[in-house]
Amino acid sequence: MPLHGAGAPAKRLDRDDPSYATYAMYRYLHMTPMESPLSPAEMFAVLSHPTRLRLALLMAEHGTLCVCELQHALGEDQPRVSRQLANLRQAGVIEGERRAQWVHYRLSPGLPGWAGAIIDNALAGMQDDAAFNEDRRRLTSMTDRPNAACSA
């Protein structure tokens, strides 16, 4: 006699299924960062996407930021921001910590010195970038920053 459920087709979750969000969050939180050391090619590849670059630079400038702050700063929806954060996390550029219902991100303290220098130089180079300056403006003008909004 087959084991319970053996031979039954696996249920495919679609994005409208209420359990999809739980499944997606579980997969996201259990992704492990890259286990091999970060190479310069991987660093440049992960920072080549404008949104990922802006996310990393906001963390370089402001330290630990909640997903809600990053969403607000970029003016993007949560799934889009989370997808880019997952790429940065998978590469080992950032790390996240779950606090209640929110995840707070920061640059990985284990980044090699050369990688930190790339981020610092990119931050200096983005000082006149209109999109990045708008991100900064939105972040600093956010009235309900983490202690009240995200930690509840």
N, C-alpha and C. Protein backbone atom coordinates (compact mmCIF):
# COMPACT_ATOMS: atom_id res chain seq x y z
N MET A 1 0.86 -1.19 0.00
CA MET A 1 0.00 0.00 0.00
C MET A 1 0.89 1.24 0.00
N PRO A 2 0.62 2.21 -0.88
CA PRO A 2 1.46 3.40 -0.95
C PRO A 2 1.30 4.27 0.29
N LEU A 3 2.36 5.01 0.59
CA LEU A 3 2.30 5.96 1.71
C LEU A 3 1.26 7.03 1.43
N HIS A 4 0.77 7.63 2.49
CA HIS A 4 -0.22 8.69 2.36
C HIS A 4 0.26 9.76 1.38
N GLY A 5 -0.47 10.01 0.38
CA GLY A 5 -0.16 11.06 -0.58
C GLY A 5 0.78 10.62 -1.69
N ALA A 6 1.36 9.43 -1.58
CA ALA A 6 2.28 8.98 -2.62
C ALA A 6 1.52 8.80 -3.92
N GLY A 7 2.09 9.24 -4.97
CA GLY A 7 1.47 9.09 -6.27
C GLY A 7 0.49 10.20 -6.59
N ALA A 8 0.06 10.95 -5.59
CA ALA A 8 -0.87 12.06 -5.84
C ALA A 8 -0.07 13.23 -6.41
N PRO A 9 -0.63 13.92 -7.38
CA PRO A 9 0.11 15.06 -7.92
C PRO A 9 0.25 16.15 -6.85
N ALA A 10 1.42 16.77 -6.83
CA ALA A 10 1.65 17.86 -5.88
C ALA A 10 0.74 19.03 -6.24
N LYS A 11 0.21 19.67 -5.21
CA LYS A 11 -0.65 20.83 -5.44
C LYS A 11 0.23 22.00 -5.89
N ARG A 12 -0.11 22.60 -6.99
CA ARG A 12 0.63 23.75 -7.48
C ARG A 12 -0.02 24.99 -6.89
N LEU A 13 0.77 25.77 -6.18
CA LEU A 13 0.25 27.00 -5.59
C LEU A 13 0.29 28.10 -6.64
N ASP A 14 -0.80 28.80 -6.76
CA ASP A 14 -0.74 29.96 -7.63
C ASP A 14 -0.76 31.20 -6.74
N ARG A 15 -0.39 32.32 -7.30
CA ARG A 15 -0.20 33.54 -6.51
C ARG A 15 -1.47 34.05 -5.85
N ASP A 16 -2.64 33.59 -6.31
CA ASP A 16 -3.90 34.02 -5.70
C ASP A 16 -4.28 33.16 -4.51
N ASP A 17 -3.62 32.03 -4.35
CA ASP A 17 -3.89 31.11 -3.24
C ASP A 17 -3.39 31.76 -1.95
N PRO A 18 -4.22 31.86 -0.90
CA PRO A 18 -3.78 32.49 0.36
C PRO A 18 -2.55 31.84 0.96
N SER A 19 -2.34 30.56 0.73
CA SER A 19 -1.17 29.91 1.32
C SER A 19 0.11 30.21 0.53
N TYR A 20 0.00 30.83 -0.63
CA TYR A 20 1.18 31.15 -1.43
C TYR A 20 2.10 32.12 -0.69
N ALA A 21 1.53 33.14 -0.06
CA ALA A 21 2.34 34.13 0.65
C ALA A 21 3.14 33.46 1.77
N THR A 22 2.52 32.55 2.49
CA THR A 22 3.21 31.83 3.56
C THR A 22 4.34 31.00 2.98
N TYR A 23 4.07 30.30 1.90
CA TYR A 23 5.08 29.48 1.23
C TYR A 23 6.24 30.34 0.72
N ALA A 24 5.91 31.44 0.08
CA ALA A 24 6.95 32.32 -0.47
C ALA A 24 7.82 32.88 0.63
N MET A 25 7.22 33.30 1.75
CA MET A 25 7.99 33.85 2.86
C MET A 25 8.89 32.76 3.46
N TYR A 26 8.37 31.55 3.59
CA TYR A 26 9.16 30.45 4.13
C TYR A 26 10.38 30.20 3.24
N ARG A 27 10.16 30.13 1.93
CA ARG A 27 11.27 29.90 1.00
C ARG A 27 12.29 31.02 1.09
N TYR A 28 11.79 32.26 1.17
CA TYR A 28 12.68 33.42 1.21
C TYR A 28 13.53 33.40 2.48
N LEU A 29 12.92 33.14 3.62
CA LEU A 29 13.65 33.18 4.88
C LEU A 29 14.63 32.02 5.03
N HIS A 30 14.40 30.95 4.29
CA HIS A 30 15.27 29.79 4.40
C HIS A 30 16.29 29.69 3.26
N MET A 31 16.34 30.72 2.43
CA MET A 31 17.38 30.76 1.42
C MET A 31 18.70 30.99 2.14
N THR A 32 19.73 30.33 1.75
CA THR A 32 21.02 30.57 2.39
C THR A 32 21.86 31.45 1.49
N PRO A 33 22.61 32.37 2.11
CA PRO A 33 23.48 33.22 1.31
C PRO A 33 24.54 32.37 0.61
N MET A 34 25.15 32.94 -0.39
CA MET A 34 26.18 32.26 -1.14
C MET A 34 27.25 31.75 -0.19
N GLU A 35 27.64 30.50 -0.34
CA GLU A 35 28.60 29.91 0.58
C GLU A 35 30.04 30.17 0.17
N SER A 36 30.31 30.39 -1.10
CA SER A 36 31.68 30.68 -1.50
C SER A 36 31.92 32.18 -1.36
N PRO A 37 33.18 32.58 -1.24
CA PRO A 37 33.46 34.02 -1.11
C PRO A 37 32.95 34.79 -2.32
N LEU A 38 32.53 35.99 -2.07
CA LEU A 38 32.02 36.87 -3.12
C LEU A 38 33.17 37.27 -4.04
N SER A 39 32.98 37.08 -5.33
CA SER A 39 34.01 37.48 -6.30
C SER A 39 33.67 38.87 -6.85
N PRO A 40 34.66 39.58 -7.37
CA PRO A 40 34.36 40.88 -7.98
C PRO A 40 33.32 40.77 -9.10
N ALA A 41 33.38 39.71 -9.91
CA ALA A 41 32.40 39.55 -10.99
C ALA A 41 30.99 39.43 -10.42
N GLU A 42 30.83 38.67 -9.34
CA GLU A 42 29.51 38.50 -8.71
C GLU A 42 29.05 39.82 -8.10
N MET A 43 29.98 40.55 -7.49
CA MET A 43 29.62 41.83 -6.87
C MET A 43 29.12 42.80 -7.94
N PHE A 44 29.86 42.92 -9.04
CA PHE A 44 29.43 43.83 -10.10
C PHE A 44 28.13 43.35 -10.73
N ALA A 45 27.96 42.06 -10.86
CA ALA A 45 26.72 41.53 -11.45
C ALA A 45 25.52 41.87 -10.59
N VAL A 46 25.63 41.66 -9.29
CA VAL A 46 24.48 41.91 -8.41
C VAL A 46 24.19 43.41 -8.30
N LEU A 47 25.21 44.25 -8.38
CA LEU A 47 24.99 45.70 -8.30
C LEU A 47 24.66 46.32 -9.65
N SER A 48 24.65 45.52 -10.71
CA SER A 48 24.39 46.07 -12.04
C SER A 48 22.94 46.47 -12.26
N HIS A 49 22.05 45.94 -11.45
CA HIS A 49 20.63 46.32 -11.55
C HIS A 49 20.43 47.62 -10.78
N PRO A 50 19.85 48.65 -11.39
CA PRO A 50 19.72 49.95 -10.73
C PRO A 50 18.99 49.88 -9.38
N THR A 51 17.96 49.06 -9.28
CA THR A 51 17.23 48.97 -8.01
C THR A 51 18.10 48.34 -6.92
N ARG A 52 18.82 47.28 -7.25
CA ARG A 52 19.69 46.65 -6.26
C ARG A 52 20.80 47.60 -5.83
N LEU A 53 21.34 48.36 -6.76
CA LEU A 53 22.38 49.33 -6.42
C LEU A 53 21.82 50.37 -5.46
N ARG A 54 20.65 50.92 -5.77
CA ARG A 54 20.05 51.93 -4.90
C ARG A 54 19.74 51.37 -3.52
N LEU A 55 19.26 50.13 -3.44
CA LEU A 55 18.99 49.50 -2.14
C LEU A 55 20.27 49.39 -1.32
N ALA A 56 21.34 48.88 -1.95
CA ALA A 56 22.61 48.72 -1.24
C ALA A 56 23.16 50.06 -0.78
N LEU A 57 23.03 51.08 -1.62
CA LEU A 57 23.56 52.40 -1.26
C LEU A 57 22.75 53.05 -0.14
N LEU A 58 21.44 52.83 -0.13
CA LEU A 58 20.64 53.34 0.99
C LEU A 58 21.08 52.71 2.30
N MET A 59 21.36 51.39 2.28
CA MET A 59 21.83 50.72 3.49
C MET A 59 23.23 51.20 3.87
N ALA A 60 24.07 51.48 2.88
CA ALA A 60 25.41 51.99 3.17
C ALA A 60 25.32 53.35 3.85
N GLU A 61 24.38 54.14 3.43
CA GLU A 61 24.24 55.50 3.96
C GLU A 61 23.48 55.55 5.28
N HIS A 62 22.46 54.69 5.44
CA HIS A 62 21.57 54.78 6.60
C HIS A 62 21.69 53.61 7.57
N GLY A 63 22.48 52.61 7.26
CA GLY A 63 22.61 51.44 8.13
C GLY A 63 21.44 50.49 7.94
N THR A 64 20.97 49.92 9.03
CA THR A 64 19.88 48.94 8.98
C THR A 64 18.57 49.63 8.61
N LEU A 65 17.90 49.06 7.61
CA LEU A 65 16.61 49.61 7.16
C LEU A 65 15.59 48.50 7.05
N CYS A 66 14.38 48.82 7.42
CA CYS A 66 13.25 47.90 7.34
C CYS A 66 12.75 47.85 5.89
N VAL A 67 12.16 46.73 5.53
CA VAL A 67 11.58 46.59 4.20
C VAL A 67 10.61 47.74 3.93
N CYS A 68 9.83 48.13 4.93
CA CYS A 68 8.85 49.20 4.70
C CYS A 68 9.56 50.52 4.35
N GLU A 69 10.72 50.77 4.95
CA GLU A 69 11.47 51.98 4.62
C GLU A 69 12.02 51.92 3.20
N LEU A 70 12.52 50.75 2.83
CA LEU A 70 13.08 50.59 1.49
C LEU A 70 11.99 50.71 0.42
N GLN A 71 10.82 50.13 0.69
CA GLN A 71 9.68 50.27 -0.22
C GLN A 71 9.33 51.73 -0.39
N HIS A 72 9.21 52.43 0.74
CA HIS A 72 8.83 53.83 0.72
C HIS A 72 9.87 54.66 -0.05
N ALA A 73 11.15 54.42 0.24
CA ALA A 73 12.22 55.18 -0.40
C ALA A 73 12.21 55.00 -1.91
N LEU A 74 12.05 53.77 -2.37
CA LEU A 74 12.09 53.51 -3.81
C LEU A 74 10.75 53.76 -4.50
N GLY A 75 9.67 53.85 -3.72
CA GLY A 75 8.36 54.03 -4.32
C GLY A 75 7.92 52.80 -5.10
N GLU A 76 8.38 51.64 -4.68
CA GLU A 76 8.07 50.37 -5.35
C GLU A 76 7.20 49.51 -4.45
N ASP A 77 6.54 48.52 -5.04
CA ASP A 77 5.72 47.62 -4.24
C ASP A 77 6.61 46.57 -3.54
N GLN A 78 6.06 45.94 -2.51
CA GLN A 78 6.80 45.02 -1.66
C GLN A 78 7.37 43.82 -2.43
N PRO A 79 6.60 43.16 -3.31
CA PRO A 79 7.18 42.02 -4.02
C PRO A 79 8.41 42.39 -4.87
N ARG A 80 8.35 43.53 -5.51
CA ARG A 80 9.47 43.96 -6.36
C ARG A 80 10.71 44.25 -5.51
N VAL A 81 10.53 44.96 -4.39
CA VAL A 81 11.65 45.28 -3.51
C VAL A 81 12.20 43.99 -2.89
N SER A 82 11.31 43.11 -2.44
CA SER A 82 11.75 41.86 -1.81
C SER A 82 12.53 40.98 -2.78
N ARG A 83 12.14 40.97 -4.04
CA ARG A 83 12.87 40.17 -5.04
C ARG A 83 14.29 40.68 -5.19
N GLN A 84 14.45 42.00 -5.23
CA GLN A 84 15.80 42.56 -5.38
C GLN A 84 16.63 42.37 -4.10
N LEU A 85 15.97 42.47 -2.94
CA LEU A 85 16.66 42.21 -1.68
C LEU A 85 17.12 40.75 -1.61
N ALA A 86 16.29 39.84 -2.11
CA ALA A 86 16.65 38.42 -2.10
C ALA A 86 17.90 38.19 -2.95
N ASN A 87 18.01 38.87 -4.08
CA ASN A 87 19.21 38.74 -4.91
C ASN A 87 20.45 39.24 -4.19
N LEU A 88 20.33 40.38 -3.51
CA LEU A 88 21.46 40.92 -2.75
C LEU A 88 21.83 40.00 -1.59
N ARG A 89 20.81 39.46 -0.95
CA ARG A 89 21.05 38.55 0.18
C ARG A 89 21.70 37.26 -0.28
N GLN A 90 21.21 36.71 -1.36
CA GLN A 90 21.75 35.45 -1.90
C GLN A 90 23.22 35.62 -2.29
N ALA A 91 23.60 36.79 -2.77
CA ALA A 91 24.99 37.05 -3.15
C ALA A 91 25.87 37.30 -1.94
N GLY A 92 25.26 37.53 -0.78
CA GLY A 92 26.04 37.77 0.43
C GLY A 92 26.37 39.23 0.66
N VAL A 93 25.74 40.14 -0.11
CA VAL A 93 26.00 41.57 0.02
C VAL A 93 25.28 42.15 1.24
N ILE A 94 24.08 41.64 1.51
CA ILE A 94 23.30 42.12 2.66
C ILE A 94 22.87 40.93 3.51
N GLU A 95 22.39 41.23 4.70
CA GLU A 95 21.78 40.21 5.55
C GLU A 95 20.52 40.78 6.15
N GLY A 96 19.58 39.90 6.44
CA GLY A 96 18.29 40.32 6.99
C GLY A 96 18.05 39.70 8.34
N GLU A 97 17.27 40.42 9.13
CA GLU A 97 16.87 39.93 10.45
C GLU A 97 15.37 40.17 10.60
N ARG A 98 14.65 39.12 10.91
CA ARG A 98 13.20 39.22 11.08
C ARG A 98 12.89 39.79 12.44
N ARG A 99 12.05 40.81 12.46
CA ARG A 99 11.55 41.42 13.70
C ARG A 99 10.04 41.54 13.55
N ALA A 100 9.34 40.72 14.30
CA ALA A 100 7.87 40.65 14.19
C ALA A 100 7.51 40.35 12.74
N GLN A 101 6.68 41.21 12.12
CA GLN A 101 6.23 40.92 10.76
C GLN A 101 7.15 41.49 9.70
N TRP A 102 8.19 42.21 10.07
CA TRP A 102 9.05 42.87 9.11
C TRP A 102 10.45 42.29 9.13
N VAL A 103 11.16 42.46 8.02
CA VAL A 103 12.57 42.06 7.94
C VAL A 103 13.38 43.35 7.80
N HIS A 104 14.44 43.43 8.59
CA HIS A 104 15.34 44.58 8.57
C HIS A 104 16.64 44.14 7.91
N TYR A 105 17.16 44.96 7.02
CA TYR A 105 18.35 44.62 6.24
C TYR A 105 19.48 45.59 6.51
N ARG A 106 20.70 45.06 6.35
CA ARG A 106 21.91 45.88 6.44
C ARG A 106 22.96 45.25 5.55
N LEU A 107 23.98 46.04 5.22
CA LEU A 107 25.09 45.47 4.48
C LEU A 107 25.72 44.40 5.34
N SER A 108 26.17 43.35 4.71
CA SER A 108 26.78 42.26 5.45
C SER A 108 28.09 42.72 6.07
N PRO A 109 28.24 42.54 7.39
CA PRO A 109 29.49 42.95 8.02
C PRO A 109 30.68 42.10 7.55
N GLY A 110 30.40 40.96 6.93
CA GLY A 110 31.45 40.09 6.42
C GLY A 110 31.90 40.41 5.00
N LEU A 111 31.43 41.52 4.44
CA LEU A 111 31.85 41.89 3.08
C LEU A 111 33.37 42.10 3.05
N PRO A 112 34.02 41.60 2.03
CA PRO A 112 35.47 41.86 1.91
C PRO A 112 35.71 43.37 1.79
N GLY A 113 36.89 43.81 2.19
CA GLY A 113 37.22 45.24 2.14
C GLY A 113 37.07 45.83 0.75
N TRP A 114 37.47 45.09 -0.28
CA TRP A 114 37.35 45.61 -1.64
C TRP A 114 35.89 45.83 -2.01
N ALA A 115 34.99 44.96 -1.50
CA ALA A 115 33.56 45.11 -1.82
C ALA A 115 32.98 46.34 -1.12
N GLY A 116 33.41 46.56 0.12
CA GLY A 116 32.98 47.77 0.83
C GLY A 116 33.46 49.03 0.12
N ALA A 117 34.69 48.97 -0.41
CA ALA A 117 35.23 50.11 -1.14
C ALA A 117 34.42 50.38 -2.41
N ILE A 118 33.97 49.33 -3.09
CA ILE A 118 33.13 49.51 -4.29
C ILE A 118 31.84 50.24 -3.90
N ILE A 119 31.22 49.79 -2.81
CA ILE A 119 29.96 50.41 -2.38
C ILE A 119 30.20 51.86 -1.97
N ASP A 120 31.28 52.12 -1.21
CA ASP A 120 31.59 53.50 -0.79
C ASP A 120 31.83 54.40 -1.99
N ASN A 121 32.57 53.91 -2.98
CA ASN A 121 32.84 54.71 -4.18
C ASN A 121 31.59 54.91 -5.02
N ALA A 122 30.74 53.89 -5.08
CA ALA A 122 29.48 54.03 -5.80
C ALA A 122 28.59 55.07 -5.11
N LEU A 123 28.59 55.05 -3.78
CA LEU A 123 27.81 56.04 -3.03
C LEU A 123 28.30 57.45 -3.34
N ALA A 124 29.61 57.63 -3.37
CA ALA A 124 30.17 58.94 -3.71
C ALA A 124 29.79 59.34 -5.14
N GLY A 125 29.79 58.36 -6.04
CA GLY A 125 29.46 58.64 -7.44
C GLY A 125 27.99 58.91 -7.68
N MET A 126 27.13 58.51 -6.76
CA MET A 126 25.68 58.68 -6.94
C MET A 126 25.16 59.97 -6.31
N GLN A 127 26.02 60.79 -5.78
CA GLN A 127 25.59 62.01 -5.09
C GLN A 127 24.73 62.92 -5.96
N ASP A 128 24.96 62.92 -7.25
CA ASP A 128 24.20 63.79 -8.17
C ASP A 128 23.14 63.04 -8.96
N ASP A 129 22.92 61.77 -8.63
CA ASP A 129 21.94 60.97 -9.36
C ASP A 129 20.52 61.34 -8.91
N ALA A 130 19.69 61.74 -9.84
CA ALA A 130 18.34 62.21 -9.51
C ALA A 130 17.49 61.14 -8.84
N ALA A 131 17.51 59.92 -9.35
CA ALA A 131 16.68 58.85 -8.77
C ALA A 131 17.13 58.54 -7.35
N PHE A 132 18.44 58.45 -7.12
CA PHE A 132 18.94 58.15 -5.79
C PHE A 132 18.64 59.30 -4.81
N ASN A 133 18.77 60.52 -5.27
CA ASN A 133 18.44 61.66 -4.40
C ASN A 133 16.96 61.69 -4.05
N GLU A 134 16.11 61.27 -4.99
CA GLU A 134 14.67 61.16 -4.70
C GLU A 134 14.43 60.06 -3.68
N ASP A 135 15.14 58.92 -3.79
CA ASP A 135 15.03 57.85 -2.79
C ASP A 135 15.38 58.38 -1.40
N ARG A 136 16.46 59.11 -1.33
CA ARG A 136 16.90 59.69 -0.03
C ARG A 136 15.83 60.63 0.53
N ARG A 137 15.31 61.49 -0.35
CA ARG A 137 14.31 62.46 0.10
C ARG A 137 13.09 61.74 0.65
N ARG A 138 12.62 60.72 -0.07
CA ARG A 138 11.44 59.97 0.40
C ARG A 138 11.73 59.28 1.73
N LEU A 139 12.91 58.70 1.85
CA LEU A 139 13.25 58.01 3.10
C LEU A 139 13.30 58.97 4.27
N THR A 140 13.97 60.09 4.11
CA THR A 140 14.10 61.01 5.23
C THR A 140 12.78 61.72 5.55
N SER A 141 11.87 61.79 4.59
CA SER A 141 10.59 62.43 4.86
C SER A 141 9.53 61.44 5.36
N MET A 142 9.89 60.17 5.46
CA MET A 142 8.93 59.15 5.93
C MET A 142 8.59 59.43 7.39
N THR A 143 7.32 59.64 7.65
CA THR A 143 6.91 60.06 9.00
C THR A 143 6.80 58.91 9.99
N ASP A 144 6.43 57.73 9.55
CA ASP A 144 6.22 56.62 10.47
C ASP A 144 7.31 55.56 10.30
N ARG A 145 8.56 55.95 10.57
CA ARG A 145 9.69 55.03 10.39
C ARG A 145 9.65 53.93 11.43
N PRO A 146 10.43 52.91 11.26
CA PRO A 146 10.31 51.60 11.89
C PRO A 146 9.82 51.46 13.32
N ASN A 147 10.31 52.23 14.23
CA ASN A 147 9.94 51.96 15.62
C ASN A 147 8.44 51.91 15.81
N ALA A 148 7.72 52.76 15.12
CA ALA A 148 6.26 52.74 15.25
C ALA A 148 5.61 51.81 14.23
N ALA A 149 6.03 51.88 12.97
CA ALA A 149 5.33 51.16 11.91
C ALA A 149 5.73 49.69 11.77
N CYS A 150 7.00 49.39 11.86
CA CYS A 150 7.45 48.03 11.51
C CYS A 150 7.55 47.11 12.70
N SER A 151 7.77 47.62 13.87
CA SER A 151 8.01 46.76 15.01
C SER A 151 6.73 46.33 15.72
N ALA A 152 5.61 46.85 15.25
CA ALA A 152 4.34 46.54 15.90
C ALA A 152 3.95 45.11 15.74
